[in-house]
Amino acid sequence: MNSQDYDDETIEKAKEVAESYIKNNYQDIETVEFIGVEKSPMGGMWVNGKVNGKAGFTIDMDEKVFKVMGAGLKEGFPELKEECKNGGCDY
């Protein structure tokens, strides 16, 4: 994890929120692995990782309130759950 941008407590909270978001919004999530947490160029937070050992993601998060603002998903990332397609599910 990139600890240069954030303290350990902030990194852990960001990881918890990102994992909850992914597991509650996407199908067939078996594992979530984190690669790094860093400041984005626009002042937010990026949480990077992969799911199920292969499909990468970047979660764009508001660093003040830990709200997911968006997600960049790589090829092979699982599909959204049907019930989350119209506005997303809670996380």
N, C-alpha and C. Protein backbone atom coordinates (compact mmCIF):
# COMPACT_ATOMS: atom_id res chain seq x y z
N MET A 1 0.84 -1.18 0.00
CA MET A 1 0.00 0.00 0.00
C MET A 1 0.89 1.25 0.00
N ASN A 2 0.43 2.28 -0.61
CA ASN A 2 1.16 3.54 -0.64
C ASN A 2 0.83 4.32 0.63
N SER A 3 1.76 4.37 1.56
CA SER A 3 1.51 5.06 2.82
C SER A 3 2.03 6.49 2.81
N GLN A 4 2.60 6.92 1.70
CA GLN A 4 3.15 8.27 1.63
C GLN A 4 2.06 9.33 1.62
N ASP A 5 0.90 9.03 1.05
CA ASP A 5 -0.16 10.02 0.91
C ASP A 5 -1.10 10.06 2.11
N TYR A 6 -1.29 8.94 2.81
CA TYR A 6 -2.27 8.85 3.88
C TYR A 6 -1.73 8.06 5.06
N ASP A 7 -2.29 8.32 6.25
CA ASP A 7 -1.91 7.55 7.43
C ASP A 7 -2.60 6.18 7.39
N ASP A 8 -2.14 5.27 8.25
CA ASP A 8 -2.65 3.89 8.26
C ASP A 8 -4.15 3.82 8.51
N GLU A 9 -4.66 4.65 9.41
CA GLU A 9 -6.08 4.64 9.73
C GLU A 9 -6.92 5.04 8.51
N THR A 10 -6.49 6.05 7.78
CA THR A 10 -7.19 6.49 6.58
C THR A 10 -7.16 5.42 5.51
N ILE A 11 -6.01 4.79 5.32
CA ILE A 11 -5.89 3.72 4.33
C ILE A 11 -6.82 2.56 4.67
N GLU A 12 -6.86 2.16 5.93
CA GLU A 12 -7.73 1.05 6.33
C GLU A 12 -9.20 1.38 6.12
N LYS A 13 -9.62 2.60 6.45
CA LYS A 13 -11.01 3.02 6.24
C LYS A 13 -11.34 3.01 4.76
N ALA A 14 -10.44 3.52 3.92
CA ALA A 14 -10.66 3.54 2.48
C ALA A 14 -10.80 2.12 1.93
N LYS A 15 -9.95 1.22 2.40
CA LYS A 15 -10.02 -0.18 1.96
C LYS A 15 -11.35 -0.81 2.37
N GLU A 16 -11.79 -0.55 3.59
CA GLU A 16 -13.07 -1.11 4.07
C GLU A 16 -14.23 -0.62 3.21
N VAL A 17 -14.27 0.67 2.92
CA VAL A 17 -15.35 1.24 2.12
C VAL A 17 -15.30 0.69 0.70
N ALA A 18 -14.12 0.64 0.10
CA ALA A 18 -13.99 0.12 -1.27
C ALA A 18 -14.42 -1.33 -1.35
N GLU A 19 -14.01 -2.14 -0.39
CA GLU A 19 -14.39 -3.56 -0.41
C GLU A 19 -15.89 -3.71 -0.24
N SER A 20 -16.48 -2.96 0.66
CA SER A 20 -17.92 -3.01 0.87
C SER A 20 -18.67 -2.60 -0.40
N TYR A 21 -18.21 -1.54 -1.04
CA TYR A 21 -18.82 -1.07 -2.28
C TYR A 21 -18.78 -2.16 -3.35
N ILE A 22 -17.62 -2.75 -3.53
CA ILE A 22 -17.46 -3.78 -4.57
C ILE A 22 -18.34 -4.99 -4.27
N LYS A 23 -18.29 -5.49 -3.05
CA LYS A 23 -19.05 -6.70 -2.70
C LYS A 23 -20.56 -6.47 -2.74
N ASN A 24 -21.01 -5.25 -2.44
CA ASN A 24 -22.44 -4.98 -2.42
C ASN A 24 -23.01 -4.60 -3.79
N ASN A 25 -22.16 -4.24 -4.75
CA ASN A 25 -22.64 -3.78 -6.04
C ASN A 25 -22.34 -4.71 -7.21
N TYR A 26 -21.41 -5.64 -7.05
CA TYR A 26 -21.00 -6.49 -8.18
C TYR A 26 -21.20 -7.97 -7.86
N GLN A 27 -21.47 -8.75 -8.90
CA GLN A 27 -21.73 -10.18 -8.78
C GLN A 27 -20.44 -10.98 -8.62
N ASP A 28 -20.57 -12.11 -7.95
CA ASP A 28 -19.51 -13.13 -7.92
C ASP A 28 -18.15 -12.63 -7.45
N ILE A 29 -18.13 -11.79 -6.44
CA ILE A 29 -16.86 -11.32 -5.87
C ILE A 29 -16.40 -12.33 -4.82
N GLU A 30 -15.28 -12.96 -5.08
CA GLU A 30 -14.74 -13.94 -4.13
C GLU A 30 -13.64 -13.33 -3.28
N THR A 31 -12.75 -12.56 -3.91
CA THR A 31 -11.65 -11.94 -3.17
C THR A 31 -11.44 -10.51 -3.66
N VAL A 32 -10.98 -9.64 -2.76
CA VAL A 32 -10.60 -8.28 -3.10
C VAL A 32 -9.19 -8.06 -2.56
N GLU A 33 -8.28 -7.72 -3.47
CA GLU A 33 -6.88 -7.48 -3.09
C GLU A 33 -6.54 -6.02 -3.38
N PHE A 34 -5.91 -5.35 -2.43
CA PHE A 34 -5.57 -3.95 -2.60
C PHE A 34 -4.11 -3.80 -2.97
N ILE A 35 -3.86 -2.90 -3.92
CA ILE A 35 -2.52 -2.64 -4.41
C ILE A 35 -2.00 -1.31 -3.88
N GLY A 36 -2.87 -0.31 -3.78
CA GLY A 36 -2.43 0.99 -3.30
C GLY A 36 -3.56 1.96 -3.06
N VAL A 37 -3.29 2.94 -2.23
CA VAL A 37 -4.21 4.05 -1.98
C VAL A 37 -3.38 5.31 -2.17
N GLU A 38 -3.86 6.21 -3.04
CA GLU A 38 -3.08 7.40 -3.34
C GLU A 38 -3.99 8.60 -3.61
N LYS A 39 -3.41 9.78 -3.52
CA LYS A 39 -4.15 10.99 -3.87
C LYS A 39 -4.31 11.04 -5.38
N SER A 40 -5.50 11.40 -5.81
CA SER A 40 -5.72 11.60 -7.25
C SER A 40 -5.31 13.01 -7.62
N PRO A 41 -5.05 13.27 -8.89
CA PRO A 41 -4.65 14.62 -9.31
C PRO A 41 -5.69 15.69 -8.99
N MET A 42 -6.95 15.31 -8.86
CA MET A 42 -8.02 16.27 -8.59
C MET A 42 -8.28 16.44 -7.09
N GLY A 43 -7.48 15.82 -6.25
CA GLY A 43 -7.59 16.03 -4.81
C GLY A 43 -8.38 14.98 -4.07
N GLY A 44 -8.93 14.01 -4.75
CA GLY A 44 -9.62 12.92 -4.08
C GLY A 44 -8.65 11.80 -3.76
N MET A 45 -9.20 10.62 -3.63
CA MET A 45 -8.42 9.44 -3.27
C MET A 45 -8.70 8.33 -4.28
N TRP A 46 -7.67 7.63 -4.67
CA TRP A 46 -7.81 6.46 -5.52
C TRP A 46 -7.44 5.23 -4.72
N VAL A 47 -8.31 4.23 -4.77
CA VAL A 47 -8.04 2.95 -4.15
C VAL A 47 -7.90 1.94 -5.29
N ASN A 48 -6.72 1.35 -5.43
CA ASN A 48 -6.42 0.44 -6.54
C ASN A 48 -6.32 -0.99 -6.06
N GLY A 49 -6.78 -1.91 -6.90
CA GLY A 49 -6.66 -3.31 -6.54
C GLY A 49 -7.18 -4.21 -7.64
N LYS A 50 -7.49 -5.44 -7.24
CA LYS A 50 -8.07 -6.40 -8.18
C LYS A 50 -8.99 -7.35 -7.44
N VAL A 51 -9.94 -7.90 -8.17
CA VAL A 51 -10.88 -8.86 -7.59
C VAL A 51 -10.65 -10.23 -8.20
N ASN A 52 -10.94 -11.23 -7.41
CA ASN A 52 -10.86 -12.62 -7.86
C ASN A 52 -9.51 -12.95 -8.48
N GLY A 53 -8.46 -12.25 -8.03
CA GLY A 53 -7.11 -12.53 -8.47
C GLY A 53 -6.76 -12.08 -9.87
N LYS A 54 -7.66 -11.33 -10.55
CA LYS A 54 -7.35 -10.99 -11.93
C LYS A 54 -7.85 -9.64 -12.43
N ALA A 55 -9.07 -9.25 -12.14
CA ALA A 55 -9.66 -8.07 -12.75
C ALA A 55 -9.37 -6.83 -11.91
N GLY A 56 -8.67 -5.86 -12.51
CA GLY A 56 -8.27 -4.66 -11.79
C GLY A 56 -9.37 -3.63 -11.65
N PHE A 57 -9.19 -2.73 -10.68
CA PHE A 57 -10.12 -1.64 -10.47
C PHE A 57 -9.40 -0.45 -9.86
N THR A 58 -10.01 0.73 -10.05
CA THR A 58 -9.63 1.94 -9.34
C THR A 58 -10.92 2.57 -8.84
N ILE A 59 -11.04 2.71 -7.53
CA ILE A 59 -12.19 3.36 -6.93
C ILE A 59 -11.80 4.81 -6.65
N ASP A 60 -12.60 5.74 -7.16
CA ASP A 60 -12.41 7.17 -6.91
C ASP A 60 -13.28 7.52 -5.70
N MET A 61 -12.65 8.02 -4.64
CA MET A 61 -13.36 8.22 -3.38
C MET A 61 -13.11 9.63 -2.84
N ASP A 62 -14.15 10.22 -2.25
CA ASP A 62 -14.00 11.48 -1.54
C ASP A 62 -13.24 11.18 -0.25
N GLU A 63 -12.08 11.76 -0.10
CA GLU A 63 -11.21 11.41 1.03
C GLU A 63 -11.69 11.98 2.37
N LYS A 64 -12.60 12.92 2.34
CA LYS A 64 -13.09 13.50 3.59
C LYS A 64 -14.22 12.68 4.21
N VAL A 65 -15.10 12.13 3.37
CA VAL A 65 -16.26 11.40 3.88
C VAL A 65 -16.29 9.93 3.42
N PHE A 66 -15.25 9.51 2.69
CA PHE A 66 -15.13 8.14 2.22
C PHE A 66 -16.35 7.71 1.41
N LYS A 67 -16.78 8.58 0.49
CA LYS A 67 -17.89 8.28 -0.41
C LYS A 67 -17.31 7.92 -1.77
N VAL A 68 -17.80 6.83 -2.35
CA VAL A 68 -17.36 6.39 -3.67
C VAL A 68 -17.97 7.33 -4.71
N MET A 69 -17.10 7.93 -5.51
CA MET A 69 -17.53 8.86 -6.54
C MET A 69 -17.60 8.19 -7.92
N GLY A 70 -16.88 7.10 -8.08
CA GLY A 70 -16.86 6.39 -9.34
C GLY A 70 -15.91 5.22 -9.28
N ALA A 71 -15.96 4.40 -10.32
CA ALA A 71 -15.09 3.22 -10.36
C ALA A 71 -14.61 3.00 -11.79
N GLY A 72 -13.30 2.81 -11.92
CA GLY A 72 -12.72 2.40 -13.19
C GLY A 72 -12.46 0.91 -13.11
N LEU A 73 -13.07 0.15 -14.01
CA LEU A 73 -13.01 -1.31 -13.95
C LEU A 73 -12.31 -1.85 -15.18
N LYS A 74 -11.38 -2.75 -14.96
CA LYS A 74 -10.62 -3.35 -16.06
C LYS A 74 -11.39 -4.51 -16.68
N GLU A 75 -10.90 -4.95 -17.81
CA GLU A 75 -11.51 -6.07 -18.53
C GLU A 75 -11.62 -7.28 -17.61
N GLY A 76 -12.76 -7.94 -17.67
CA GLY A 76 -12.99 -9.14 -16.88
C GLY A 76 -13.58 -8.88 -15.50
N PHE A 77 -13.82 -7.60 -15.16
CA PHE A 77 -14.42 -7.29 -13.87
C PHE A 77 -15.85 -7.80 -13.87
N PRO A 78 -16.30 -8.38 -12.76
CA PRO A 78 -17.68 -8.90 -12.69
C PRO A 78 -18.74 -7.83 -13.00
N GLU A 79 -19.89 -8.29 -13.44
CA GLU A 79 -21.01 -7.41 -13.78
C GLU A 79 -21.67 -6.85 -12.53
N LEU A 80 -22.32 -5.69 -12.71
CA LEU A 80 -23.14 -5.14 -11.64
C LEU A 80 -24.27 -6.11 -11.29
N LYS A 81 -24.63 -6.14 -10.03
CA LYS A 81 -25.81 -6.90 -9.63
C LYS A 81 -27.02 -6.24 -10.27
N GLU A 82 -27.99 -7.05 -10.67
CA GLU A 82 -29.18 -6.53 -11.35
C GLU A 82 -29.86 -5.43 -10.53
N GLU A 83 -29.99 -5.65 -9.23
CA GLU A 83 -30.68 -4.68 -8.38
C GLU A 83 -29.89 -3.38 -8.18
N CYS A 84 -28.64 -3.34 -8.63
CA CYS A 84 -27.80 -2.15 -8.46
C CYS A 84 -27.64 -1.34 -9.73
N LYS A 85 -28.24 -1.79 -10.80
CA LYS A 85 -28.05 -1.12 -12.10
C LYS A 85 -28.71 0.24 -12.19
N ASN A 86 -29.72 0.51 -11.40
CA ASN A 86 -30.40 1.80 -11.44
C ASN A 86 -30.03 2.64 -10.22
N GLY A 87 -28.80 3.11 -10.16
CA GLY A 87 -28.41 4.00 -9.09
C GLY A 87 -27.48 3.41 -8.05
N GLY A 88 -27.17 2.15 -8.15
CA GLY A 88 -26.23 1.55 -7.21
C GLY A 88 -26.89 1.08 -5.93
N CYS A 89 -26.21 0.24 -5.23
CA CYS A 89 -26.68 -0.31 -3.96
C CYS A 89 -25.91 0.33 -2.82
N ASP A 90 -26.49 0.27 -1.65
CA ASP A 90 -25.80 0.77 -0.45
C ASP A 90 -24.52 -0.01 -0.23
N TYR A 91 -23.61 0.62 0.46
CA TYR A 91 -22.36 -0.03 0.81
C TYR A 91 -21.92 0.46 2.14
